[in-house]
Amino acid sequence: MNIKKNPSLGEKIKMLREAKGLNQAALAKALYSSTMLISRIERDQATCDEEMLFTIKETLGVENAPLYESELVAYKDRLVALFDEIENERYTAARDKLEQLFPTTNLPWEHDLSLM
């Protein structure tokens, strides 16, 4: 059995950047940063503060993407609540929960799922 670990923050940033068709140089230019810093962030050799992370997410058009572990836990909890509403045939409540959840990343669903 092949168990996939959750990607690190740097790996998630790389996946999002690639999904948007950007190379490291283009992202660095948009952030007024260096390609070396973007490379180090993606390899988890450098960290970025919340402001830089928000700027990266904004640049990639994924402001609502849950990238931190705490955001992912909250997102998954909301998905569980959504499925509970559907299972119990509370469709109005389910629709409301669905509207709160989406869009999160504006990427193909394969990329959304790989972030989790």
PDB file of N, CA and C in Angstrom:
ATOM      1  N   MET A   1       0.848  -1.167   0.000  1.00  0.00           N
ATOM      2  CA  MET A   1       0.000   0.000   0.000  1.00  0.00           C
ATOM      3  C   MET A   1       0.899   1.238   0.000  1.00  0.00           C
ATOM      4  N   ASN A   2       0.579   2.190  -0.846  1.00  0.00           N
ATOM      5  CA  ASN A   2       1.338   3.422  -0.948  1.00  0.00           C
ATOM      6  C   ASN A   2       0.586   4.531  -0.218  1.00  0.00           C
ATOM      7  N   ILE A   3       1.107   4.949   0.929  1.00  0.00           N
ATOM      8  CA  ILE A   3       0.455   5.987   1.717  1.00  0.00           C
ATOM      9  C   ILE A   3       1.098   7.321   1.387  1.00  0.00           C
ATOM     10  N   LYS A   4       0.283   8.255   0.954  1.00  0.00           N
ATOM     11  CA  LYS A   4       0.776   9.581   0.566  1.00  0.00           C
ATOM     12  C   LYS A   4       0.749  10.495   1.785  1.00  0.00           C
ATOM     13  N   LYS A   5       1.896  11.097   2.073  1.00  0.00           N
ATOM     14  CA  LYS A   5       1.944  12.044   3.179  1.00  0.00           C
ATOM     15  C   LYS A   5       1.377  13.387   2.710  1.00  0.00           C
ATOM     16  N   ASN A   6       0.927  14.167   3.673  1.00  0.00           N
ATOM     17  CA  ASN A   6       0.460  15.504   3.328  1.00  0.00           C
ATOM     18  C   ASN A   6       1.637  16.328   2.852  1.00  0.00           C
ATOM     19  N   PRO A   7       1.469  17.074   1.771  1.00  0.00           N
ATOM     20  CA  PRO A   7       2.572  17.895   1.283  1.00  0.00           C
ATOM     21  C   PRO A   7       2.895  19.025   2.265  1.00  0.00           C
ATOM     22  N   SER A   8       4.156  19.414   2.280  1.00  0.00           N
ATOM     23  CA  SER A   8       4.578  20.533   3.122  1.00  0.00           C
ATOM     24  C   SER A   8       4.066  21.839   2.522  1.00  0.00           C
ATOM     25  N   LEU A   9       4.191  22.915   3.267  1.00  0.00           N
ATOM     26  CA  LEU A   9       3.763  24.224   2.774  1.00  0.00           C
ATOM     27  C   LEU A   9       4.514  24.570   1.493  1.00  0.00           C
ATOM     28  N   GLY A  10       5.817  24.325   1.470  1.00  0.00           N
ATOM     29  CA  GLY A  10       6.613  24.613   0.276  1.00  0.00           C
ATOM     30  C   GLY A  10       6.152  23.805  -0.927  1.00  0.00           C
ATOM     31  N   GLU A  11       5.844  22.524  -0.702  1.00  0.00           N
ATOM     32  CA  GLU A  11       5.356  21.669  -1.787  1.00  0.00           C
ATOM     33  C   GLU A  11       4.005  22.171  -2.301  1.00  0.00           C
ATOM     34  N   LYS A  12       3.160  22.639  -1.404  1.00  0.00           N
ATOM     35  CA  LYS A  12       1.857  23.167  -1.812  1.00  0.00           C
ATOM     36  C   LYS A  12       2.033  24.413  -2.668  1.00  0.00           C
ATOM     37  N   ILE A  13       2.935  25.290  -2.240  1.00  0.00           N
ATOM     38  CA  ILE A  13       3.180  26.514  -3.022  1.00  0.00           C
ATOM     39  C   ILE A  13       3.680  26.141  -4.413  1.00  0.00           C
ATOM     40  N   LYS A  14       4.584  25.170  -4.479  1.00  0.00           N
ATOM     41  CA  LYS A  14       5.110  24.726  -5.770  1.00  0.00           C
ATOM     42  C   LYS A  14       3.993  24.157  -6.645  1.00  0.00           C
ATOM     43  N   MET A  15       3.133  23.294  -6.068  1.00  0.00           N
ATOM     44  CA  MET A  15       2.026  22.719  -6.835  1.00  0.00           C
ATOM     45  C   MET A  15       1.102  23.803  -7.370  1.00  0.00           C
ATOM     46  N   LEU A  16       0.785  24.792  -6.526  1.00  0.00           N
ATOM     47  CA  LEU A  16      -0.092  25.874  -6.958  1.00  0.00           C
ATOM     48  C   LEU A  16       0.558  26.699  -8.060  1.00  0.00           C
ATOM     49  N   ARG A  17       1.836  27.011  -7.881  1.00  0.00           N
ATOM     50  CA  ARG A  17       2.559  27.794  -8.891  1.00  0.00           C
ATOM     51  C   ARG A  17       2.549  27.060 -10.226  1.00  0.00           C
ATOM     52  N   GLU A  18       2.878  25.773 -10.187  1.00  0.00           N
ATOM     53  CA  GLU A  18       2.898  24.990 -11.416  1.00  0.00           C
ATOM     54  C   GLU A  18       1.504  24.853 -12.025  1.00  0.00           C
ATOM     55  N   ALA A  19       0.493  24.694 -11.196  1.00  0.00           N
ATOM     56  CA  ALA A  19      -0.883  24.585 -11.692  1.00  0.00           C
ATOM     57  C   ALA A  19      -1.313  25.858 -12.411  1.00  0.00           C
ATOM     58  N   LYS A  20      -0.765  26.981 -11.986  1.00  0.00           N
ATOM     59  CA  LYS A  20      -1.072  28.264 -12.635  1.00  0.00           C
ATOM     60  C   LYS A  20      -0.168  28.531 -13.834  1.00  0.00           C
ATOM     61  N   GLY A  21       0.773  27.610 -14.097  1.00  0.00           N
ATOM     62  CA  GLY A  21       1.636  27.743 -15.260  1.00  0.00           C
ATOM     63  C   GLY A  21       2.760  28.758 -15.101  1.00  0.00           C
ATOM     64  N   LEU A  22       3.146  29.032 -13.862  1.00  0.00           N
ATOM     65  CA  LEU A  22       4.223  29.988 -13.614  1.00  0.00           C
ATOM     66  C   LEU A  22       5.513  29.264 -13.268  1.00  0.00           C
ATOM     67  N   ASN A  23       6.634  29.849 -13.683  1.00  0.00           N
ATOM     68  CA  ASN A  23       7.906  29.331 -13.197  1.00  0.00           C
ATOM     69  C   ASN A  23       8.316  30.160 -11.978  1.00  0.00           C
ATOM     70  N   GLN A  24       9.382  29.746 -11.320  1.00  0.00           N
ATOM     71  CA  GLN A  24       9.816  30.439 -10.103  1.00  0.00           C
ATOM     72  C   GLN A  24      10.178  31.893 -10.379  1.00  0.00           C
ATOM     73  N   ALA A  25      10.782  32.148 -11.524  1.00  0.00           N
ATOM     74  CA  ALA A  25      11.182  33.519 -11.863  1.00  0.00           C
ATOM     75  C   ALA A  25       9.967  34.435 -11.997  1.00  0.00           C
ATOM     76  N   ALA A  26       8.908  33.942 -12.614  1.00  0.00           N
ATOM     77  CA  ALA A  26       7.702  34.752 -12.785  1.00  0.00           C
ATOM     78  C   ALA A  26       7.050  35.046 -11.439  1.00  0.00           C
ATOM     79  N   LEU A  27       7.008  34.040 -10.556  1.00  0.00           N
ATOM     80  CA  LEU A  27       6.437  34.266  -9.227  1.00  0.00           C
ATOM     81  C   LEU A  27       7.300  35.253  -8.447  1.00  0.00           C
ATOM     82  N   ALA A  28       8.595  35.072  -8.513  1.00  0.00           N
ATOM     83  CA  ALA A  28       9.504  35.974  -7.804  1.00  0.00           C
ATOM     84  C   ALA A  28       9.326  37.409  -8.285  1.00  0.00           C
ATOM     85  N   LYS A  29       9.219  37.592  -9.588  1.00  0.00           N
ATOM     86  CA  LYS A  29       9.037  38.940 -10.152  1.00  0.00           C
ATOM     87  C   LYS A  29       7.741  39.565  -9.654  1.00  0.00           C
ATOM     88  N   ALA A  30       6.680  38.784  -9.638  1.00  0.00           N
ATOM     89  CA  ALA A  30       5.379  39.286  -9.168  1.00  0.00           C
ATOM     90  C   ALA A  30       5.425  39.671  -7.694  1.00  0.00           C
ATOM     91  N   LEU A  31       6.294  39.001  -6.928  1.00  0.00           N
ATOM     92  CA  LEU A  31       6.398  39.258  -5.486  1.00  0.00           C
ATOM     93  C   LEU A  31       7.504  40.262  -5.155  1.00  0.00           C
ATOM     94  N   TYR A  32       8.171  40.779  -6.188  1.00  0.00           N
ATOM     95  CA  TYR A  32       9.328  41.665  -5.963  1.00  0.00           C
ATOM     96  C   TYR A  32      10.341  40.964  -5.067  1.00  0.00           C
ATOM     97  N   SER A  33      10.609  39.718  -5.412  1.00  0.00           N
ATOM     98  CA  SER A  33      11.496  38.883  -4.614  1.00  0.00           C
ATOM     99  C   SER A  33      12.516  38.245  -5.540  1.00  0.00           C
ATOM    100  N   SER A  34      13.272  37.295  -5.011  1.00  0.00           N
ATOM    101  CA  SER A  34      14.272  36.615  -5.834  1.00  0.00           C
ATOM    102  C   SER A  34      13.833  35.185  -6.132  1.00  0.00           C
ATOM    103  N   THR A  35      14.311  34.683  -7.257  1.00  0.00           N
ATOM    104  CA  THR A  35      14.043  33.295  -7.621  1.00  0.00           C
ATOM    105  C   THR A  35      14.622  32.359  -6.574  1.00  0.00           C
ATOM    106  N   MET A  36      15.774  32.729  -6.031  1.00  0.00           N
ATOM    107  CA  MET A  36      16.419  31.884  -5.022  1.00  0.00           C
ATOM    108  C   MET A  36      15.528  31.748  -3.789  1.00  0.00           C
ATOM    109  N   LEU A  37      14.890  32.853  -3.358  1.00  0.00           N
ATOM    110  CA  LEU A  37      14.015  32.774  -2.191  1.00  0.00           C
ATOM    111  C   LEU A  37      12.818  31.876  -2.478  1.00  0.00           C
ATOM    112  N   ILE A  38      12.217  32.011  -3.645  1.00  0.00           N
ATOM    113  CA  ILE A  38      11.074  31.160  -3.999  1.00  0.00           C
ATOM    114  C   ILE A  38      11.506  29.695  -4.005  1.00  0.00           C
ATOM    115  N   SER A  39      12.657  29.414  -4.565  1.00  0.00           N
ATOM    116  CA  SER A  39      13.177  28.052  -4.586  1.00  0.00           C
ATOM    117  C   SER A  39      13.369  27.526  -3.170  1.00  0.00           C
ATOM    118  N   ARG A  40      13.941  28.330  -2.303  1.00  0.00           N
ATOM    119  CA  ARG A  40      14.175  27.898  -0.922  1.00  0.00           C
ATOM    120  C   ARG A  40      12.856  27.677  -0.179  1.00  0.00           C
ATOM    121  N   ILE A  41      11.865  28.535  -0.412  1.00  0.00           N
ATOM    122  CA  ILE A  41      10.548  28.362   0.223  1.00  0.00           C
ATOM    123  C   ILE A  41       9.924  27.047  -0.238  1.00  0.00           C
ATOM    124  N   GLU A  42       9.984  26.793  -1.536  1.00  0.00           N
ATOM    125  CA  GLU A  42       9.385  25.573  -2.079  1.00  0.00           C
ATOM    126  C   GLU A  42      10.083  24.305  -1.595  1.00  0.00           C
ATOM    127  N   ARG A  43      11.349  24.409  -1.248  1.00  0.00           N
ATOM    128  CA  ARG A  43      12.090  23.256  -0.721  1.00  0.00           C
ATOM    129  C   ARG A  43      12.074  23.240   0.803  1.00  0.00           C
ATOM    130  N   ASP A  44      11.289  24.119   1.406  1.00  0.00           N
ATOM    131  CA  ASP A  44      11.155  24.223   2.860  1.00  0.00           C
ATOM    132  C   ASP A  44      12.484  24.538   3.548  1.00  0.00           C
ATOM    133  N   GLN A  45      13.330  25.268   2.849  1.00  0.00           N
ATOM    134  CA  GLN A  45      14.598  25.709   3.419  1.00  0.00           C
ATOM    135  C   GLN A  45      14.521  27.154   3.902  1.00  0.00           C
ATOM    136  N   ALA A  46      13.414  27.808   3.597  1.00  0.00           N
ATOM    137  CA  ALA A  46      13.155  29.162   4.077  1.00  0.00           C
ATOM    138  C   ALA A  46      11.673  29.247   4.411  1.00  0.00           C
ATOM    139  N   THR A  47      11.360  30.064   5.367  1.00  0.00           N
ATOM    140  CA  THR A  47       9.957  30.242   5.737  1.00  0.00           C
ATOM    141  C   THR A  47       9.475  31.599   5.244  1.00  0.00           C
ATOM    142  N   CYS A  48       8.184  31.703   5.181  1.00  0.00           N
ATOM    143  CA  CYS A  48       7.607  33.004   4.844  1.00  0.00           C
ATOM    144  C   CYS A  48       6.594  33.339   5.926  1.00  0.00           C
ATOM    145  N   ASP A  49       6.546  34.611   6.264  1.00  0.00           N
ATOM    146  CA  ASP A  49       5.594  35.028   7.290  1.00  0.00           C
ATOM    147  C   ASP A  49       4.188  35.058   6.689  1.00  0.00           C
ATOM    148  N   GLU A  50       3.203  35.340   7.525  1.00  0.00           N
ATOM    149  CA  GLU A  50       1.808  35.324   7.065  1.00  0.00           C
ATOM    150  C   GLU A  50       1.564  36.322   5.950  1.00  0.00           C
ATOM    151  N   GLU A  51       2.206  37.491   6.040  1.00  0.00           N
ATOM    152  CA  GLU A  51       2.019  38.516   5.006  1.00  0.00           C
ATOM    153  C   GLU A  51       2.549  38.025   3.656  1.00  0.00           C
ATOM    154  N   MET A  52       3.730  37.420   3.671  1.00  0.00           N
ATOM    155  CA  MET A  52       4.306  36.903   2.422  1.00  0.00           C
ATOM    156  C   MET A  52       3.459  35.758   1.887  1.00  0.00           C
ATOM    157  N   LEU A  53       2.999  34.877   2.775  1.00  0.00           N
ATOM    158  CA  LEU A  53       2.156  33.771   2.329  1.00  0.00           C
ATOM    159  C   LEU A  53       0.871  34.301   1.701  1.00  0.00           C
ATOM    160  N   PHE A  54       0.269  35.315   2.313  1.00  0.00           N
ATOM    161  CA  PHE A  54      -0.954  35.878   1.728  1.00  0.00           C
ATOM    162  C   PHE A  54      -0.649  36.480   0.362  1.00  0.00           C
ATOM    163  N   THR A  55       0.486  37.149   0.221  1.00  0.00           N
ATOM    164  CA  THR A  55       0.856  37.739  -1.063  1.00  0.00           C
ATOM    165  C   THR A  55       1.069  36.656  -2.110  1.00  0.00           C
ATOM    166  N   ILE A  56       1.699  35.550  -1.710  1.00  0.00           N
ATOM    167  CA  ILE A  56       1.877  34.424  -2.634  1.00  0.00           C
ATOM    168  C   ILE A  56       0.509  33.882  -3.053  1.00  0.00           C
ATOM    169  N   LYS A  57      -0.366  33.658  -2.075  1.00  0.00           N
ATOM    170  CA  LYS A  57      -1.704  33.130  -2.378  1.00  0.00           C
ATOM    171  C   LYS A  57      -2.472  34.095  -3.281  1.00  0.00           C
ATOM    172  N   GLU A  58      -2.360  35.382  -2.998  1.00  0.00           N
ATOM    173  CA  GLU A  58      -3.048  36.401  -3.799  1.00  0.00           C
ATOM    174  C   GLU A  58      -2.504  36.414  -5.225  1.00  0.00           C
ATOM    175  N   THR A  59      -1.190  36.344  -5.355  1.00  0.00           N
ATOM    176  CA  THR A  59      -0.555  36.340  -6.674  1.00  0.00           C
ATOM    177  C   THR A  59      -0.985  35.126  -7.488  1.00  0.00           C
ATOM    178  N   LEU A  60      -1.133  34.003  -6.809  1.00  0.00           N
ATOM    179  CA  LEU A  60      -1.539  32.772  -7.488  1.00  0.00           C
ATOM    180  C   LEU A  60      -3.057  32.666  -7.636  1.00  0.00           C
ATOM    181  N   GLY A  61      -3.794  33.636  -7.081  1.00  0.00           N
ATOM    182  CA  GLY A  61      -5.248  33.638  -7.209  1.00  0.00           C
ATOM    183  C   GLY A  61      -5.945  32.605  -6.352  1.00  0.00           C
ATOM    184  N   VAL A  62      -5.325  32.272  -5.212  1.00  0.00           N
ATOM    185  CA  VAL A  62      -5.890  31.245  -4.330  1.00  0.00           C
ATOM    186  C   VAL A  62      -5.957  31.759  -2.896  1.00  0.00           C
ATOM    187  N   GLU A  63      -6.466  32.965  -2.725  1.00  0.00           N
ATOM    188  CA  GLU A  63      -6.493  33.601  -1.408  1.00  0.00           C
ATOM    189  C   GLU A  63      -7.161  32.754  -0.345  1.00  0.00           C
ATOM    190  N   ASN A  64      -8.155  31.968  -0.739  1.00  0.00           N
ATOM    191  CA  ASN A  64      -8.908  31.164   0.227  1.00  0.00           C
ATOM    192  C   ASN A  64      -8.403  29.737   0.366  1.00  0.00           C
ATOM    193  N   ALA A  65      -7.327  29.412  -0.322  1.00  0.00           N
ATOM    194  CA  ALA A  65      -6.812  28.038  -0.259  1.00  0.00           C
ATOM    195  C   ALA A  65      -6.303  27.719   1.142  1.00  0.00           C
ATOM    196  N   PRO A  66      -6.735  26.593   1.687  1.00  0.00           N
ATOM    197  CA  PRO A  66      -6.252  26.204   3.013  1.00  0.00           C
ATOM    198  C   PRO A  66      -4.867  25.561   2.914  1.00  0.00           C
ATOM    199  N   LEU A  67      -3.821  26.303   3.253  1.00  0.00           N
ATOM    200  CA  LEU A  67      -2.464  25.787   3.110  1.00  0.00           C
ATOM    201  C   LEU A  67      -1.829  25.379   4.434  1.00  0.00           C
ATOM    202  N   TYR A  68      -2.112  26.116   5.492  1.00  0.00           N
ATOM    203  CA  TYR A  68      -1.591  25.733   6.801  1.00  0.00           C
ATOM    204  C   TYR A  68      -2.370  24.537   7.319  1.00  0.00           C
ATOM    205  N   GLU A  69      -1.736  23.714   8.136  1.00  0.00           N
ATOM    206  CA  GLU A  69      -2.397  22.527   8.689  1.00  0.00           C
ATOM    207  C   GLU A  69      -3.686  22.899   9.428  1.00  0.00           C
ATOM    208  N   SER A  70      -3.651  23.985  10.187  1.00  0.00           N
ATOM    209  CA  SER A  70      -4.854  24.394  10.928  1.00  0.00           C
ATOM    210  C   SER A  70      -5.985  24.769   9.974  1.00  0.00           C
ATOM    211  N   GLU A  71      -5.654  25.388   8.834  1.00  0.00           N
ATOM    212  CA  GLU A  71      -6.669  25.717   7.840  1.00  0.00           C
ATOM    213  C   GLU A  71      -7.240  24.445   7.216  1.00  0.00           C
ATOM    214  N   LEU A  72      -6.365  23.464   6.971  1.00  0.00           N
ATOM    215  CA  LEU A  72      -6.818  22.207   6.380  1.00  0.00           C
ATOM    216  C   LEU A  72      -7.743  21.450   7.316  1.00  0.00           C
ATOM    217  N   VAL A  73      -7.422  21.439   8.597  1.00  0.00           N
ATOM    218  CA  VAL A  73      -8.269  20.760   9.577  1.00  0.00           C
ATOM    219  C   VAL A  73      -9.653  21.405   9.595  1.00  0.00           C
ATOM    220  N   ALA A  74      -9.685  22.737   9.618  1.00  0.00           N
ATOM    221  CA  ALA A  74     -10.968  23.444   9.620  1.00  0.00           C
ATOM    222  C   ALA A  74     -11.736  23.157   8.333  1.00  0.00           C
ATOM    223  N   TYR A  75     -11.042  23.139   7.195  1.00  0.00           N
ATOM    224  CA  TYR A  75     -11.675  22.869   5.912  1.00  0.00           C
ATOM    225  C   TYR A  75     -12.265  21.463   5.886  1.00  0.00           C
ATOM    226  N   LYS A  76     -11.485  20.491   6.356  1.00  0.00           N
ATOM    227  CA  LYS A  76     -11.966  19.106   6.385  1.00  0.00           C
ATOM    228  C   LYS A  76     -13.165  18.965   7.327  1.00  0.00           C
ATOM    229  N   ASP A  77     -13.132  19.665   8.464  1.00  0.00           N
ATOM    230  CA  ASP A  77     -14.268  19.634   9.391  1.00  0.00           C
ATOM    231  C   ASP A  77     -15.520  20.181   8.718  1.00  0.00           C
ATOM    232  N   ARG A  78     -15.347  21.223   7.930  1.00  0.00           N
ATOM    233  CA  ARG A  78     -16.493  21.807   7.221  1.00  0.00           C
ATOM    234  C   ARG A  78     -17.019  20.850   6.160  1.00  0.00           C
ATOM    235  N   LEU A  79     -16.122  20.098   5.504  1.00  0.00           N
ATOM    236  CA  LEU A  79     -16.563  19.094   4.530  1.00  0.00           C
ATOM    237  C   LEU A  79     -17.366  17.990   5.209  1.00  0.00           C
ATOM    238  N   VAL A  80     -16.895  17.541   6.360  1.00  0.00           N
ATOM    239  CA  VAL A  80     -17.610  16.507   7.115  1.00  0.00           C
ATOM    240  C   VAL A  80     -19.010  17.012   7.471  1.00  0.00           C
ATOM    241  N   ALA A  81     -19.107  18.263   7.912  1.00  0.00           N
ATOM    242  CA  ALA A  81     -20.409  18.840   8.256  1.00  0.00           C
ATOM    243  C   ALA A  81     -21.312  18.911   7.025  1.00  0.00           C
ATOM    244  N   LEU A  82     -20.736  19.250   5.873  1.00  0.00           N
ATOM    245  CA  LEU A  82     -21.507  19.304   4.626  1.00  0.00           C
ATOM    246  C   LEU A  82     -22.071  17.921   4.301  1.00  0.00           C
ATOM    247  N   PHE A  83     -21.225  16.893   4.366  1.00  0.00           N
ATOM    248  CA  PHE A  83     -21.688  15.542   4.043  1.00  0.00           C
ATOM    249  C   PHE A  83     -22.721  15.050   5.053  1.00  0.00           C
ATOM    250  N   ASP A  84     -22.612  15.469   6.288  1.00  0.00           N
ATOM    251  CA  ASP A  84     -23.595  15.121   7.305  1.00  0.00           C
ATOM    252  C   ASP A  84     -24.958  15.714   6.947  1.00  0.00           C
ATOM    253  N   GLU A  85     -24.959  16.959   6.503  1.00  0.00           N
ATOM    254  CA  GLU A  85     -26.223  17.603   6.105  1.00  0.00           C
ATOM    255  C   GLU A  85     -26.856  16.855   4.930  1.00  0.00           C
ATOM    256  N   ILE A  86     -26.036  16.459   3.957  1.00  0.00           N
ATOM    257  CA  ILE A  86     -26.553  15.735   2.795  1.00  0.00           C
ATOM    258  C   ILE A  86     -27.096  14.372   3.212  1.00  0.00           C
ATOM    259  N   GLU A  87     -26.325  13.674   4.030  1.00  0.00           N
ATOM    260  CA  GLU A  87     -26.736  12.344   4.492  1.00  0.00           C
ATOM    261  C   GLU A  87     -28.067  12.397   5.234  1.00  0.00           C
ATOM    262  N   ASN A  88     -28.302  13.466   5.973  1.00  0.00           N
ATOM    263  CA  ASN A  88     -29.540  13.614   6.735  1.00  0.00           C
ATOM    264  C   ASN A  88     -30.614  14.383   5.970  1.00  0.00           C
ATOM    265  N   GLU A  89     -30.373  14.545   4.672  1.00  0.00           N
ATOM    266  CA  GLU A  89     -31.338  15.161   3.753  1.00  0.00           C
ATOM    267  C   GLU A  89     -31.744  16.573   4.159  1.00  0.00           C
ATOM    268  N   ARG A  90     -30.814  17.304   4.727  1.00  0.00           N
ATOM    269  CA  ARG A  90     -31.030  18.718   5.037  1.00  0.00           C
ATOM    270  C   ARG A  90     -30.352  19.527   3.924  1.00  0.00           C
ATOM    271  N   TYR A  91     -31.023  19.575   2.778  1.00  0.00           N
ATOM    272  CA  TYR A  91     -30.402  20.106   1.569  1.00  0.00           C
ATOM    273  C   TYR A  91     -30.218  21.624   1.590  1.00  0.00           C
ATOM    274  N   THR A  92     -31.097  22.342   2.227  1.00  0.00           N
ATOM    275  CA  THR A  92     -30.928  23.792   2.326  1.00  0.00           C
ATOM    276  C   THR A  92     -29.681  24.118   3.142  1.00  0.00           C
ATOM    277  N   ALA A  93     -29.518  23.442   4.258  1.00  0.00           N
ATOM    278  CA  ALA A  93     -28.330  23.639   5.087  1.00  0.00           C
ATOM    279  C   ALA A  93     -27.078  23.198   4.330  1.00  0.00           C
ATOM    280  N   ALA A  94     -27.193  22.123   3.565  1.00  0.00           N
ATOM    281  CA  ALA A  94     -26.049  21.641   2.783  1.00  0.00           C
ATOM    282  C   ALA A  94     -25.652  22.664   1.730  1.00  0.00           C
ATOM    283  N   ARG A  95     -26.644  23.242   1.065  1.00  0.00           N
ATOM    284  CA  ARG A  95     -26.354  24.259   0.050  1.00  0.00           C
ATOM    285  C   ARG A  95     -25.642  25.455   0.673  1.00  0.00           C
ATOM    286  N   ASP A  96     -26.090  25.868   1.856  1.00  0.00           N
ATOM    287  CA  ASP A  96     -25.446  26.992   2.545  1.00  0.00           C
ATOM    288  C   ASP A  96     -23.993  26.663   2.886  1.00  0.00           C
ATOM    289  N   LYS A  97     -23.753  25.454   3.372  1.00  0.00           N
ATOM    290  CA  LYS A  97     -22.384  25.042   3.708  1.00  0.00           C
ATOM    291  C   LYS A  97     -21.523  24.969   2.453  1.00  0.00           C
ATOM    292  N   LEU A  98     -22.102  24.484   1.371  1.00  0.00           N
ATOM    293  CA  LEU A  98     -21.370  24.384   0.114  1.00  0.00           C
ATOM    294  C   LEU A  98     -20.960  25.767  -0.388  1.00  0.00           C
ATOM    295  N   GLU A  99     -21.854  26.727  -0.286  1.00  0.00           N
ATOM    296  CA  GLU A  99     -21.538  28.089  -0.719  1.00  0.00           C
ATOM    297  C   GLU A  99     -20.415  28.696   0.122  1.00  0.00           C
ATOM    298  N   GLN A 100     -20.326  28.312   1.400  1.00  0.00           N
ATOM    299  CA  GLN A 100     -19.252  28.801   2.261  1.00  0.00           C
ATOM    300  C   GLN A 100     -17.917  28.173   1.892  1.00  0.00           C
ATOM    301  N   LEU A 101     -17.945  26.932   1.426  1.00  0.00           N
ATOM    302  CA  LEU A 101     -16.706  26.205   1.142  1.00  0.00           C
ATOM    303  C   LEU A 101     -16.073  26.576  -0.196  1.00  0.00           C
ATOM    304  N   PHE A 102     -16.887  26.848  -1.187  1.00  0.00           N
ATOM    305  CA  PHE A 102     -16.362  27.013  -2.538  1.00  0.00           C
ATOM    306  C   PHE A 102     -16.643  28.383  -3.068  1.00  0.00           C
ATOM    307  N   PRO A 103     -15.819  28.964  -3.917  1.00  0.00           N
ATOM    308  CA  PRO A 103     -14.566  28.395  -4.388  1.00  0.00           C
ATOM    309  C   PRO A 103     -13.455  28.642  -3.379  1.00  0.00           C
ATOM    310  N   THR A 104     -12.585  27.691  -3.231  1.00  0.00           N
ATOM    311  CA  THR A 104     -11.454  27.875  -2.321  1.00  0.00           C
ATOM    312  C   THR A 104     -10.186  28.190  -3.085  1.00  0.00           C
ATOM    313  N   THR A 105      -9.929  27.466  -4.147  1.00  0.00           N
ATOM    314  CA  THR A 105      -8.669  27.692  -4.850  1.00  0.00           C
ATOM    315  C   THR A 105      -8.825  28.049  -6.312  1.00  0.00           C
ATOM    316  N   ASN A 106      -9.980  27.835  -6.896  1.00  0.00           N
ATOM    317  CA  ASN A 106     -10.187  28.131  -8.305  1.00  0.00           C
ATOM    318  C   ASN A 106      -9.207  27.346  -9.186  1.00  0.00           C
ATOM    319  N   LEU A 107      -8.928  26.115  -8.795  1.00  0.00           N
ATOM    320  CA  LEU A 107      -8.064  25.217  -9.554  1.00  0.00           C
ATOM    321  C   LEU A 107      -8.861  23.972  -9.915  1.00  0.00           C
ATOM    322  N   PRO A 108      -8.350  23.181 -10.873  1.00  0.00           N
ATOM    323  CA  PRO A 108      -9.010  21.908 -11.135  1.00  0.00           C
ATOM    324  C   PRO A 108      -9.078  21.079  -9.853  1.00  0.00           C
ATOM    325  N   TRP A 109     -10.118  20.305  -9.716  1.00  0.00           N
ATOM    326  CA  TRP A 109     -10.343  19.566  -8.468  1.00  0.00           C
ATOM    327  C   TRP A 109      -9.184  18.659  -8.114  1.00  0.00           C
ATOM    328  N   GLU A 110      -8.424  18.156  -9.088  1.00  0.00           N
ATOM    329  CA  GLU A 110      -7.301  17.287  -8.787  1.00  0.00           C
ATOM    330  C   GLU A 110      -6.274  18.025  -7.927  1.00  0.00           C
ATOM    331  N   HIS A 111      -6.056  19.295  -8.220  1.00  0.00           N
ATOM    332  CA  HIS A 111      -5.105  20.093  -7.447  1.00  0.00           C
ATOM    333  C   HIS A 111      -5.672  20.410  -6.061  1.00  0.00           C
ATOM    334  N   ASP A 112      -6.965  20.714  -6.010  1.00  0.00           N
ATOM    335  CA  ASP A 112      -7.593  20.970  -4.702  1.00  0.00           C
ATOM    336  C   ASP A 112      -7.396  19.770  -3.782  1.00  0.00           C
ATOM    337  N   LEU A 113      -7.650  18.573  -4.284  1.00  0.00           N
ATOM    338  CA  LEU A 113      -7.536  17.369  -3.455  1.00  0.00           C
ATOM    339  C   LEU A 113      -6.084  17.068  -3.103  1.00  0.00           C
ATOM    340  N   SER A 114      -5.159  17.346  -4.013  1.00  0.00           N
ATOM    341  CA  SER A 114      -3.759  17.030  -3.715  1.00  0.00           C
ATOM    342  C   SER A 114      -3.202  17.917  -2.620  1.00  0.00           C
ATOM    343  N   LEU A 115      -3.839  19.058  -2.366  1.00  0.00           N
ATOM    344  CA  LEU A 115      -3.383  19.932  -1.290  1.00  0.00           C
ATOM    345  C   LEU A 115      -3.731  19.360   0.079  1.00  0.00           C
ATOM    346  N   MET A 116      -4.653  18.441   0.131  1.00  0.00           N
ATOM    347  CA  MET A 116      -5.083  17.863   1.386  1.00  0.00           C
ATOM    348  C   MET A 116      -4.315  16.603   1.650  1.00  0.00           C
TER     349      MET A 116
END
